[in-house]
């Protein structure tokens, strides 16, 4: 740390020894710099502030019914196109700058210079600042006024042109979609006519096939159930005699022509039921004998009934039972009618089963063709629905664009207000002379210190004993202080006074220049 301190002291001592050179350099650089600042011409900026009002009452009421134009995006586009070459040519003609150009090259240079110096800045959500800077204040005002005119015209006409172009585009797209929709409807109708038998209704082919198979199973089950009921009727019909014999005395009928076989069969059946209730199995001898007896009595009864029917058919009714009459058995007749009805129902069910079977076979035979037809029909319907949906959307948007165009042309959807019109500037906007003058002073001081430091490095001295010890390996025996005479002391005093006057004069000159600049505003302008 001590070495750094000693090095710094040495540098400062070297600069202080050559302070006069530093002061002279600072004066020269400062005077030259202030003269250069004085040669910089003043620039005058003319500007205008514009407010764009997009929130009108009618726009709020029509929100959602009309096509909303993005005003900020529109203004951003105008900002980009404002400094385009056609607009710059208009500004050049409106401000008579084209009179300064002698040829196309000079005119091109003027246009490029205008594009660089024009500014359009956003000061808020709907507030914009348009500015231009030039050394001629009248020209600055004319350029801003011309740009303001172009800005207003561009914003008023841009949205209307855009809406008109949008409507033309929508009309063209609608005509195109109408043709595509008609073509899609024609292809769909031709395909339906060609594949009428293969097209599905509300359900698909596989749903129909599954439903037909289910109907076939139900019809088959209904037929089997009807057959079982018919067989049961036949079994009961065989057990019931077709005729009954009525007795002459007392009016009590005797079934089977006076035979007691039905009563005996009924008695044996009751006896068999009693044996089973007691727990006898079918293999028990009593049960076996009882069953054989019942079967024999039934066979005998059936033979008796057949013989009676044969005699009745021959007309020999008196030989059956003398003194008694034969009448048809009403139960037998009812069973016979029900059996006929059941046969009719079975025939109907067979016909229905055949129809269901044919329907299943037909659908199974169409298994290869129907899915292809359904897929093609689905594709046609999808294309048709897409075209139709786009067509309906285009119709809605055309109506929205029409209402938006009416809203734009018949009302003030976007109101542009000039808050601050351009004025001829009286005070220069640049350069910032206070800053430049201060910078020149600092530059001069830095240059003076740099010169003094450079000279100290070129002509090195030893300001103290420590520096001498650090520079040589030889031992330092001692040091002798300088003996200053009265004359040398007066000379040093005069040098210090001269240096102080020079430094004070430099800062005094800077203070005077700054005061004059602040009071007059246009100092050192030639």
Protein backbone atom coordinates (compact mmCIF):
# COMPACT_ATOMS: atom_id res chain seq x y z
CA UNK A 1 0.00 0.00 0.00
CA UNK A 2 2.91 2.34 0.80
CA UNK A 3 4.42 1.69 -2.61
CA UNK A 4 1.17 2.65 -4.34
CA UNK A 5 0.97 5.80 -2.27
CA UNK A 6 4.56 6.75 -3.09
CA UNK A 7 3.91 6.09 -6.79
CA UNK A 8 0.81 8.32 -6.73
CA UNK A 9 2.68 11.11 -4.95
CA UNK A 10 5.42 10.89 -7.57
CA UNK A 11 2.92 11.18 -10.44
CA UNK A 12 1.13 14.14 -8.85
CA UNK A 13 4.45 15.85 -8.18
CA UNK A 14 5.48 15.42 -11.81
CA UNK A 15 2.16 16.90 -13.03
CA UNK A 16 2.40 19.80 -10.56
CA UNK A 17 5.93 20.61 -11.71
CA UNK A 18 4.55 21.02 -15.25
CA UNK A 19 1.32 22.77 -14.32
CA UNK A 20 1.96 25.67 -16.67
CA UNK A 21 1.97 23.36 -19.68
CA UNK A 22 -1.28 21.85 -18.41
CA UNK A 23 -2.90 25.27 -18.06
CA UNK A 24 -1.80 26.40 -21.52
CA UNK A 25 -3.09 23.16 -23.07
CA UNK A 26 -6.42 23.52 -21.25
CA UNK A 27 -6.84 27.10 -22.53
CA UNK A 28 -6.02 26.11 -26.12
CA UNK A 29 -8.35 23.07 -26.18
CA UNK A 30 -11.16 24.95 -24.44
CA UNK A 31 -11.02 27.98 -26.72
CA UNK A 32 -10.92 25.81 -29.84
CA UNK A 33 -13.76 23.66 -28.53
CA UNK A 34 -15.95 26.64 -27.66
CA UNK A 35 -15.32 28.09 -31.10
CA UNK A 36 -16.34 24.74 -32.66
CA UNK A 37 -19.53 24.69 -30.57
CA UNK A 38 -20.25 28.22 -31.74
CA UNK A 39 -20.15 27.04 -35.36
CA UNK A 40 -22.88 24.42 -34.81
CA UNK A 41 -26.09 25.80 -36.32
CA UNK A 42 -29.26 25.91 -34.27
CA UNK A 43 -31.99 23.37 -35.01
CA UNK A 44 -35.68 24.24 -34.59
CA UNK A 45 -38.26 21.50 -34.01
CA UNK A 46 -41.90 21.95 -34.94
CA UNK A 47 -44.38 19.42 -33.56
CA UNK A 48 -48.07 18.68 -33.33
CA UNK A 49 -50.01 16.49 -30.91
CA UNK A 50 -52.89 14.39 -32.22
CA UNK A 51 -55.62 12.62 -30.24
CA UNK A 52 -57.45 9.69 -31.83
CA UNK A 53 -60.85 8.97 -30.24
CA UNK A 54 -62.15 5.45 -30.98
CA UNK A 55 -64.73 5.07 -28.17
CA UNK A 56 -67.88 6.55 -29.68
CA UNK A 57 -71.35 5.69 -28.36
CA UNK A 58 -72.43 4.10 -31.66
CA UNK A 59 -69.36 1.86 -31.76
CA UNK A 60 -70.26 0.62 -28.28
CA UNK A 61 -73.84 -0.11 -29.29
CA UNK A 62 -72.79 -1.93 -32.48
CA UNK A 63 -70.14 -4.02 -30.74
CA UNK A 64 -70.51 -7.67 -31.69
CA UNK A 65 -72.70 -6.86 -34.71
CA UNK A 66 -70.11 -5.27 -36.95
CA UNK A 67 -66.53 -6.05 -37.88
CA UNK A 68 -64.37 -4.19 -35.41
CA UNK A 69 -61.41 -2.40 -36.96
CA UNK A 70 -58.24 -2.44 -34.87
CA UNK A 71 -57.53 1.28 -34.69
CA UNK A 72 -54.15 0.95 -32.97
CA UNK A 73 -53.00 -1.54 -35.56
CA UNK A 74 -54.30 0.76 -38.25
CA UNK A 75 -52.39 3.71 -36.77
CA UNK A 76 -49.26 1.61 -36.51
CA UNK A 77 -49.59 0.82 -40.20
CA UNK A 78 -50.05 4.52 -40.96
CA UNK A 79 -46.93 5.26 -38.91
CA UNK A 80 -44.96 2.86 -41.10
CA UNK A 81 -46.40 4.18 -44.34
CA UNK A 82 -46.24 7.86 -43.36
CA UNK A 83 -42.56 8.15 -44.29
CA UNK A 84 -42.90 6.11 -47.46
CA UNK A 85 -41.49 7.56 -50.65
CA UNK A 86 -44.88 8.59 -52.18
CA UNK A 87 -45.73 10.53 -49.01
CA UNK A 88 -42.28 12.09 -48.89
CA UNK A 89 -42.68 13.24 -52.49
CA UNK A 90 -45.98 14.84 -51.52
CA UNK A 91 -44.34 16.61 -48.58
CA UNK A 92 -41.50 17.86 -50.81
CA UNK A 93 -44.00 19.34 -53.25
CA UNK A 94 -46.21 20.79 -50.51
CA UNK A 95 -43.23 22.57 -48.84
CA UNK A 96 -41.55 23.66 -52.14
CA UNK A 97 -38.40 21.72 -51.26
CA UNK A 98 -38.38 20.35 -54.80
CA UNK A 99 -37.37 23.83 -56.00
CA UNK A 100 -34.02 23.36 -54.26
CA UNK A 101 -33.20 20.26 -56.28
CA UNK A 102 -31.50 20.76 -59.62
CA UNK A 103 -31.63 17.10 -60.64
CA UNK A 104 -33.00 13.73 -59.56
CA UNK A 105 -30.00 12.96 -57.36
CA UNK A 106 -30.49 16.09 -55.25
CA UNK A 107 -34.23 15.37 -55.01
CA UNK A 108 -33.47 11.85 -53.81
CA UNK A 109 -31.07 13.25 -51.19
CA UNK A 110 -33.77 15.65 -49.93
CA UNK A 111 -36.30 12.80 -49.62
CA UNK A 112 -33.87 10.57 -47.71
CA UNK A 113 -32.99 13.45 -45.38
CA UNK A 114 -36.68 14.05 -44.66
CA UNK A 115 -37.27 10.38 -43.86
CA UNK A 116 -34.47 10.39 -41.29
CA UNK A 117 -35.62 13.52 -39.46
CA UNK A 118 -39.39 12.88 -39.24
CA UNK A 119 -40.61 11.35 -35.96
CA UNK A 120 -44.01 9.94 -34.97
CA UNK A 121 -44.17 8.92 -31.32
CA UNK A 122 -46.95 7.56 -29.10
CA UNK A 123 -47.44 9.66 -25.98
CA UNK A 124 -50.28 7.56 -24.59
CA UNK A 125 -53.00 5.11 -25.56
CA UNK A 126 -54.58 7.41 -28.16
CA UNK A 127 -52.13 10.35 -28.15
CA UNK A 128 -49.48 10.83 -30.82
CA UNK A 129 -46.74 13.40 -31.38
CA UNK A 130 -45.59 14.29 -34.89
CA UNK A 131 -42.34 16.24 -35.15
CA UNK A 132 -39.66 17.51 -37.55
CA UNK A 133 -36.38 19.36 -36.86
CA UNK A 134 -34.56 21.77 -39.19
CA UNK A 135 -32.40 24.87 -38.98
CA UNK A 136 -35.19 26.84 -40.71
CA UNK A 137 -38.12 27.22 -38.28
CA UNK A 138 -40.58 28.08 -41.07
CA UNK A 139 -39.65 24.93 -42.96
CA UNK A 140 -40.08 22.80 -39.82
CA UNK A 141 -43.59 24.13 -39.38
CA UNK A 142 -44.51 23.54 -43.05
CA UNK A 143 -43.23 19.96 -42.99
CA UNK A 144 -45.19 19.09 -39.83
CA UNK A 145 -48.33 20.70 -41.25
CA UNK A 146 -47.98 18.65 -44.44
CA UNK A 147 -47.41 15.46 -42.48
CA UNK A 148 -50.42 16.23 -40.29
CA UNK A 149 -52.61 16.60 -43.39
CA UNK A 150 -51.37 13.28 -44.79
CA UNK A 151 -51.86 11.59 -41.40
CA UNK A 152 -55.49 12.68 -41.11
CA UNK A 153 -56.29 11.76 -44.71
CA UNK A 154 -54.66 8.35 -44.33
CA UNK A 155 -56.61 7.51 -41.17
CA UNK A 156 -59.93 8.68 -42.54
CA UNK A 157 -59.65 6.86 -45.84
CA UNK A 158 -57.69 3.76 -44.87
CA UNK A 159 -60.46 1.99 -42.98
CA UNK A 160 -63.06 2.78 -45.65
CA UNK A 161 -60.81 1.44 -48.40
CA UNK A 162 -60.09 -1.62 -46.28
CA UNK A 163 -63.81 -2.27 -45.68
CA UNK A 164 -64.62 -1.83 -49.37
CA UNK A 165 -61.84 -4.25 -50.30
CA UNK A 166 -63.06 -6.67 -47.66
CA UNK A 167 -66.58 -6.62 -49.06
CA UNK A 168 -65.30 -7.25 -52.57
CA UNK A 169 -63.25 -10.17 -51.32
CA UNK A 170 -66.21 -11.60 -49.37
CA UNK A 171 -68.51 -11.29 -52.41
CA UNK A 172 -65.99 -13.14 -54.54
CA UNK A 173 -65.57 -15.89 -51.93
CA UNK A 174 -69.34 -16.22 -51.53
CA UNK A 175 -69.81 -16.71 -55.28
CA UNK A 176 -67.05 -19.29 -55.26
CA UNK A 177 -68.57 -21.14 -52.28
CA UNK A 178 -72.02 -21.05 -53.90
CA UNK A 179 -70.60 -22.88 -56.92
CA UNK A 180 -68.79 -25.38 -54.69
CA UNK A 181 -71.95 -25.90 -52.60
CA UNK A 182 -74.07 -26.54 -55.72
CA UNK A 183 -71.48 -29.00 -57.02
CA UNK A 184 -71.38 -30.80 -53.65
CA UNK A 185 -75.18 -31.04 -53.54
CA UNK A 186 -75.20 -32.42 -57.09
CA UNK A 187 -72.57 -35.06 -56.27
CA UNK A 188 -74.49 -36.04 -53.14
CA UNK A 189 -77.80 -36.41 -55.01
CA UNK A 190 -76.21 -38.48 -57.79
CA UNK A 191 -74.56 -40.77 -55.28
CA UNK A 192 -77.83 -41.25 -53.36
CA UNK A 193 -79.68 -42.16 -56.55
CA UNK A 194 -76.98 -44.61 -57.57
CA UNK A 195 -76.74 -46.35 -54.18
CA UNK A 196 -80.29 -45.98 -52.89
CA UNK A 197 -80.50 -49.55 -51.55
CA UNK A 198 -77.22 -49.36 -49.69
CA UNK A 199 -77.67 -46.04 -47.91
CA UNK A 200 -78.31 -46.06 -44.17
CA UNK A 201 -81.17 -44.25 -42.57
CA UNK A 202 -81.04 -42.94 -39.06
CA UNK A 203 -78.88 -45.93 -38.05
CA UNK A 204 -75.77 -47.39 -39.66
CA UNK A 205 -75.44 -50.69 -41.51
CA UNK A 206 -73.99 -52.52 -38.53
CA UNK A 207 -76.83 -51.27 -36.31
CA UNK A 208 -79.35 -52.55 -38.85
CA UNK A 209 -77.62 -55.94 -39.08
CA UNK A 210 -77.53 -56.29 -35.31
CA UNK A 211 -81.19 -55.29 -35.08
CA UNK A 212 -82.18 -57.81 -37.79
CA UNK A 213 -80.30 -60.58 -36.04
CA UNK A 214 -81.99 -59.70 -32.76
CA UNK A 215 -85.42 -59.74 -34.48
CA UNK A 216 -84.57 -63.18 -35.98
CA UNK A 217 -83.75 -64.56 -32.54
CA UNK A 218 -86.98 -63.13 -31.10
CA UNK A 219 -89.07 -64.54 -33.98
CA UNK A 220 -87.46 -67.98 -33.63
CA UNK A 221 -88.13 -67.98 -29.88
CA UNK A 222 -91.75 -66.97 -30.47
CA UNK A 223 -92.16 -69.83 -32.98
CA UNK A 224 -90.69 -72.41 -30.62
CA UNK A 225 -92.95 -71.19 -27.82
CA UNK A 226 -96.00 -71.49 -30.10
CA UNK A 227 -94.99 -75.04 -31.05
CA UNK A 228 -94.73 -76.01 -27.39
CA UNK A 229 -98.19 -74.58 -26.70
CA UNK A 230 -99.57 -76.49 -29.71
CA UNK A 231 -98.06 -79.79 -28.52
CA UNK A 232 -99.52 -79.20 -25.07
CA UNK A 233 -102.97 -78.63 -26.61
CA UNK A 234 -102.64 -81.86 -28.61
CA UNK A 235 -101.73 -83.75 -25.45
CA UNK A 236 -104.77 -82.43 -23.60
CA UNK A 237 -107.01 -83.02 -26.63
CA UNK A 238 -106.13 -86.71 -26.66
CA UNK A 239 -107.25 -87.06 -23.05
CA UNK A 240 -110.68 -85.45 -23.60
CA UNK A 241 -113.53 -87.43 -25.34
CA UNK A 242 -115.05 -85.71 -28.39
CA UNK A 243 -118.60 -86.81 -27.31
CA UNK A 244 -120.49 -87.22 -24.08
CA UNK A 245 -123.55 -89.46 -23.37
CA UNK A 246 -126.50 -88.04 -21.47
CA UNK A 247 -128.74 -90.37 -19.31
CA UNK A 248 -132.48 -90.52 -19.82
CA UNK A 249 -133.46 -90.58 -16.14
CA UNK A 250 -132.82 -87.66 -13.89
CA UNK A 251 -130.95 -85.78 -16.57
CA UNK A 252 -127.58 -86.83 -15.11
CA UNK A 253 -125.02 -87.32 -17.90
CA UNK A 254 -122.84 -90.40 -17.91
CA UNK A 255 -119.52 -89.72 -19.62
CA UNK A 256 -118.26 -92.26 -22.07
CA UNK A 257 -121.53 -94.04 -22.62
CA UNK A 258 -122.04 -95.24 -19.03
CA UNK A 259 -118.48 -96.48 -18.60
CA UNK A 260 -116.81 -95.90 -15.22
CA UNK A 261 -113.28 -95.84 -16.65
CA UNK A 262 -112.80 -92.05 -16.10
CA UNK A 263 -113.80 -92.40 -12.46
CA UNK A 264 -111.50 -95.40 -12.01
CA UNK A 265 -108.61 -93.55 -13.66
CA UNK A 266 -109.22 -90.55 -11.42
CA UNK A 267 -109.35 -92.84 -8.32
CA UNK A 268 -106.11 -94.58 -9.29
CA UNK A 269 -104.46 -91.20 -9.93
CA UNK A 270 -105.47 -90.01 -6.48
CA UNK A 271 -104.08 -93.23 -4.99
CA UNK A 272 -100.78 -92.64 -6.84
CA UNK A 273 -100.60 -89.11 -5.52
CA UNK A 274 -101.14 -90.39 -1.97
CA UNK A 275 -98.28 -92.88 -2.36
CA UNK A 276 -95.94 -90.13 -3.56
CA UNK A 277 -96.97 -87.88 -0.69
CA UNK A 278 -95.98 -90.67 1.70
CA UNK A 279 -92.49 -90.61 0.24
CA UNK A 280 -92.64 -93.59 -2.13
CA UNK A 281 -90.20 -93.33 -5.04
CA UNK A 282 -91.04 -94.16 -8.64
CA UNK A 283 -89.10 -97.45 -8.26
CA UNK A 284 -91.36 -98.68 -5.40
CA UNK A 285 -93.42 -101.79 -6.40
CA UNK A 286 -96.75 -100.20 -5.35
CA UNK A 287 -95.99 -97.06 -7.37
CA UNK A 288 -94.94 -99.12 -10.40
CA UNK A 289 -98.09 -101.27 -10.23
CA UNK A 290 -100.28 -98.18 -9.81
CA UNK A 291 -98.71 -96.47 -12.84
CA UNK A 292 -99.12 -99.60 -14.99
CA UNK A 293 -102.77 -99.89 -13.90
CA UNK A 294 -103.45 -96.23 -14.79
CA UNK A 295 -101.78 -96.64 -18.20
CA UNK A 296 -103.83 -99.80 -18.93
CA UNK A 297 -107.08 -98.06 -17.95
CA UNK A 298 -106.22 -95.08 -20.19
CA UNK A 299 -105.55 -97.34 -23.17
CA UNK A 300 -108.81 -99.18 -22.55
CA UNK A 301 -110.63 -95.85 -22.29
CA UNK A 302 -109.09 -94.67 -25.56
CA UNK A 303 -110.19 -97.88 -27.33
CA UNK A 304 -113.65 -97.45 -25.96
CA UNK A 305 -113.75 -93.84 -27.16
CA UNK A 306 -112.56 -94.75 -30.64
CA UNK A 307 -115.11 -97.51 -30.91
CA UNK A 308 -117.84 -95.11 -29.80
CA UNK A 309 -116.72 -92.50 -32.37
CA UNK A 310 -116.78 -95.15 -35.14
CA UNK A 311 -120.29 -96.20 -34.21
CA UNK A 312 -121.45 -92.58 -34.13
CA UNK A 313 -119.93 -91.96 -37.54
CA UNK A 314 -121.84 -95.03 -38.89
CA UNK A 315 -125.08 -93.66 -37.48
CA UNK A 316 -125.56 -96.41 -34.94
CA UNK A 317 -126.03 -94.18 -31.95
CA UNK A 318 -128.61 -96.46 -30.22
CA UNK A 319 -126.16 -99.32 -30.03
CA UNK A 320 -123.85 -97.27 -27.87
CA UNK A 321 -126.03 -97.01 -24.81
CA UNK A 322 -129.74 -97.87 -25.10
CA UNK A 323 -131.98 -95.09 -23.93
CA UNK A 324 -129.22 -92.41 -23.90
CA UNK A 325 -128.19 -89.59 -26.34
CA UNK A 326 -124.69 -88.58 -27.63
CA UNK A 327 -123.73 -84.91 -27.74
CA UNK A 328 -120.35 -83.25 -28.74
CA UNK A 329 -118.05 -82.48 -25.85
CA UNK A 330 -117.85 -78.61 -25.54
CA UNK A 331 -114.41 -78.77 -23.88
CA UNK A 332 -113.12 -80.86 -26.76
CA UNK A 333 -114.56 -78.36 -29.25
CA UNK A 334 -112.93 -75.38 -27.46
CA UNK A 335 -109.57 -77.13 -27.43
CA UNK A 336 -109.99 -77.93 -31.10
CA UNK A 337 -110.64 -74.24 -31.91
CA UNK A 338 -107.65 -73.14 -29.86
CA UNK A 339 -105.51 -75.73 -31.62
CA UNK A 340 -106.58 -74.35 -35.01
CA UNK A 341 -105.79 -70.80 -33.86
CA UNK A 342 -102.40 -71.97 -32.62
CA UNK A 343 -101.65 -73.62 -35.97
CA UNK A 344 -102.57 -70.35 -37.72
CA UNK A 345 -100.29 -68.40 -35.35
CA UNK A 346 -97.45 -70.89 -35.97
CA UNK A 347 -97.85 -70.42 -39.73
CA UNK A 348 -97.75 -66.65 -39.28
CA UNK A 349 -94.65 -66.92 -37.10
CA UNK A 350 -92.97 -69.15 -39.68
CA UNK A 351 -93.64 -66.52 -42.35
CA UNK A 352 -92.26 -63.78 -40.12
CA UNK A 353 -89.23 -65.92 -39.32
CA UNK A 354 -88.57 -66.42 -43.02
CA UNK A 355 -88.78 -62.66 -43.58
CA UNK A 356 -86.34 -61.98 -40.76
CA UNK A 357 -84.02 -64.66 -42.09
CA UNK A 358 -84.14 -63.12 -45.57
CA UNK A 359 -83.44 -59.66 -44.13
CA UNK A 360 -80.40 -60.99 -42.24
CA UNK A 361 -79.14 -62.82 -45.31
CA UNK A 362 -79.61 -59.69 -47.42
CA UNK A 363 -77.73 -57.51 -44.97
CA UNK A 364 -74.97 -60.11 -44.67
CA UNK A 365 -74.71 -60.24 -48.44
CA UNK A 366 -74.33 -56.43 -48.47
CA UNK A 367 -71.48 -56.58 -45.96
CA UNK A 368 -68.84 -55.79 -48.59
CA UNK A 369 -70.66 -52.97 -50.34
CA UNK A 370 -72.48 -51.14 -47.55
CA UNK A 371 -69.42 -49.99 -45.54
CA UNK A 372 -67.89 -48.54 -48.71
CA UNK A 373 -71.13 -46.73 -49.53
CA UNK A 374 -71.43 -45.43 -45.96
CA UNK A 375 -67.82 -44.23 -45.97
CA UNK A 376 -68.26 -42.45 -49.29
CA UNK A 377 -71.55 -40.95 -48.15
CA UNK A 378 -69.90 -39.77 -44.91
CA UNK A 379 -67.12 -38.15 -46.94
CA UNK A 380 -69.64 -36.42 -49.21
CA UNK A 381 -71.63 -35.21 -46.19
CA UNK A 382 -68.46 -33.97 -44.49
CA UNK A 383 -67.37 -32.01 -47.56
CA UNK A 384 -70.87 -30.65 -48.00
CA UNK A 385 -71.16 -29.61 -44.33
CA UNK A 386 -67.75 -27.89 -44.39
CA UNK A 387 -68.59 -25.95 -47.54
CA UNK A 388 -72.03 -25.07 -46.17
CA UNK A 389 -70.60 -23.92 -42.82
CA UNK A 390 -68.00 -21.74 -44.57
CA UNK A 391 -70.67 -20.35 -46.85
CA UNK A 392 -72.90 -19.40 -43.92
CA UNK A 393 -69.95 -17.81 -42.10
CA UNK A 394 -69.09 -15.79 -45.19
CA UNK A 395 -72.69 -14.58 -45.43
CA UNK A 396 -72.60 -13.48 -41.78
CA UNK A 397 -69.28 -11.71 -42.23
CA UNK A 398 -70.44 -9.98 -45.40
CA UNK A 399 -73.43 -8.65 -43.51
CA UNK A 400 -71.13 -7.60 -40.67
CA UNK A 401 -68.79 -5.88 -43.15
CA UNK A 402 -71.75 -4.10 -44.76
CA UNK A 403 -72.92 -2.77 -41.41
CA UNK A 404 -69.35 -1.79 -40.52
CA UNK A 405 -69.01 0.08 -43.81
CA UNK A 406 -72.27 1.92 -43.18
CA UNK A 407 -71.07 2.71 -39.67
CA UNK A 408 -67.76 4.00 -41.05
CA UNK A 409 -69.21 6.11 -43.88
CA UNK A 410 -72.30 7.49 -42.14
CA UNK A 411 -70.75 8.16 -38.73
CA UNK A 412 -67.47 9.30 -37.28
CA UNK A 413 -66.20 5.96 -35.99
CA UNK A 414 -62.70 7.36 -35.49
CA UNK A 415 -62.35 11.02 -34.52
CA UNK A 416 -58.94 12.66 -34.99
CA UNK A 417 -58.40 15.84 -33.00
CA UNK A 418 -55.36 18.08 -33.32
CA UNK A 419 -54.59 19.14 -29.75
CA UNK A 420 -51.47 21.21 -30.45
CA UNK A 421 -51.23 22.47 -34.05
CA UNK A 422 -47.72 23.10 -35.42
CA UNK A 423 -46.22 26.52 -34.66
CA UNK A 424 -43.10 28.31 -35.87
CA UNK A 425 -40.51 27.51 -33.15
CA UNK A 426 -38.78 30.51 -31.59
CA UNK A 427 -36.30 28.68 -29.35
CA UNK A 428 -33.83 26.21 -30.86
CA UNK A 429 -34.30 22.63 -29.78
CA UNK A 430 -30.65 21.67 -30.39
CA UNK A 431 -27.75 21.67 -29.86
CA UNK A 432 -27.60 21.62 -26.06
CA UNK A 433 -24.92 24.27 -25.76
CA UNK A 434 -24.73 24.22 -21.96
CA UNK A 435 -23.83 20.57 -22.04
CA UNK A 436 -21.43 21.01 -24.94
CA UNK A 437 -19.65 23.96 -23.29
CA UNK A 438 -19.24 22.05 -20.06
CA UNK A 439 -17.96 19.05 -21.96
CA UNK A 440 -15.42 21.19 -23.78
CA UNK A 441 -14.14 22.58 -20.44
CA UNK A 442 -13.75 19.08 -19.00
CA UNK A 443 -12.06 17.95 -22.18
CA UNK A 444 -9.60 20.85 -21.95
CA UNK A 445 -8.77 20.10 -18.33
CA UNK A 446 -8.27 16.45 -19.13
CA UNK A 447 -6.04 17.29 -22.08
CA UNK A 448 -3.91 19.61 -19.91
CA UNK A 449 -3.44 16.95 -17.24
CA UNK A 450 -2.60 14.38 -19.89
CA UNK A 451 0.06 16.65 -21.43
CA UNK A 452 1.62 17.36 -18.03
CA UNK A 453 1.69 13.65 -17.19
CA UNK A 454 3.29 12.82 -20.55
CA UNK A 455 6.01 15.43 -20.06
CA UNK A 456 6.69 14.15 -16.55
CA UNK A 457 7.21 10.68 -17.92
CA UNK A 458 9.56 11.91 -20.65
CA UNK A 459 11.71 13.93 -18.22
CA UNK A 460 11.78 11.85 -15.05
CA UNK A 461 12.98 13.37 -11.75
CA UNK A 462 13.27 12.05 -8.23
CA UNK A 463 10.86 13.95 -5.97
CA UNK A 464 12.01 12.22 -2.74
CA UNK A 465 14.67 9.94 -1.23
CA UNK A 466 12.41 6.88 -1.33
CA UNK A 467 12.03 7.16 -5.09
CA UNK A 468 15.81 7.33 -5.40
CA UNK A 469 16.26 4.23 -3.25
CA UNK A 470 13.65 2.33 -5.32
CA UNK A 471 15.33 3.24 -8.60
CA UNK A 472 18.95 2.28 -7.70
CA UNK A 473 20.58 -0.53 -5.76
CA UNK A 474 23.23 1.78 -4.34
CA UNK A 475 22.76 3.02 -0.80
CA UNK A 476 21.60 6.59 -0.25
CA UNK A 477 23.88 8.24 2.31
CA UNK A 478 21.60 11.22 2.98
CA UNK A 479 19.61 14.14 1.61
CA UNK A 480 20.20 17.90 1.57
CA UNK A 481 17.25 20.30 1.59
CA UNK A 482 17.16 22.98 -1.08
CA UNK A 483 18.22 26.44 0.06
CA UNK A 484 15.89 28.93 -1.67
CA UNK A 485 17.03 32.51 -1.96
CA UNK A 486 14.75 35.51 -1.58
CA UNK A 487 14.84 36.16 -5.30
CA UNK A 488 13.89 32.55 -6.11
CA UNK A 489 11.13 32.70 -3.53
CA UNK A 490 9.67 35.82 -5.18
CA UNK A 491 9.96 34.12 -8.58
CA UNK A 492 8.04 31.09 -7.32
CA UNK A 493 5.40 33.35 -5.83
CA UNK A 494 4.96 35.19 -9.14
CA UNK A 495 4.60 31.84 -10.95
CA UNK A 496 1.96 30.67 -8.51
CA UNK A 497 0.07 33.96 -8.87
CA UNK A 498 0.25 33.72 -12.67
CA UNK A 499 -0.98 30.12 -12.59
CA UNK A 500 -3.82 31.02 -10.27
CA UNK A 501 -4.84 33.93 -12.47
CA UNK A 502 -4.76 31.70 -15.56
CA UNK A 503 -6.84 28.97 -13.89
CA UNK A 504 -9.29 31.50 -12.48
CA UNK A 505 -9.53 33.15 -15.88
CA UNK A 506 -10.38 29.82 -17.49
CA UNK A 507 -13.18 29.11 -15.03
CA UNK A 508 -14.30 32.72 -15.18
CA UNK A 509 -14.52 32.54 -18.96
CA UNK A 510 -16.58 29.31 -18.64
CA UNK A 511 -18.90 30.99 -16.15
CA UNK A 512 -19.34 34.00 -18.40
CA UNK A 513 -20.10 31.87 -21.44
CA UNK A 514 -22.66 29.85 -19.50
CA UNK A 515 -24.35 32.99 -18.15
CA UNK A 516 -24.56 34.56 -21.58
CA UNK A 517 -25.96 31.33 -23.03
CA UNK A 518 -28.59 31.14 -20.31
CA UNK A 519 -29.60 34.79 -20.77
CA UNK A 520 -29.54 35.10 -24.52
CA UNK A 521 -30.08 31.49 -25.61
CA UNK A 522 -28.15 31.83 -28.87
CA UNK A 523 -24.58 32.58 -27.83
CA UNK A 524 -21.67 32.38 -30.23
CA UNK A 525 -23.81 31.73 -33.27
CA UNK A 526 -22.14 33.18 -36.32
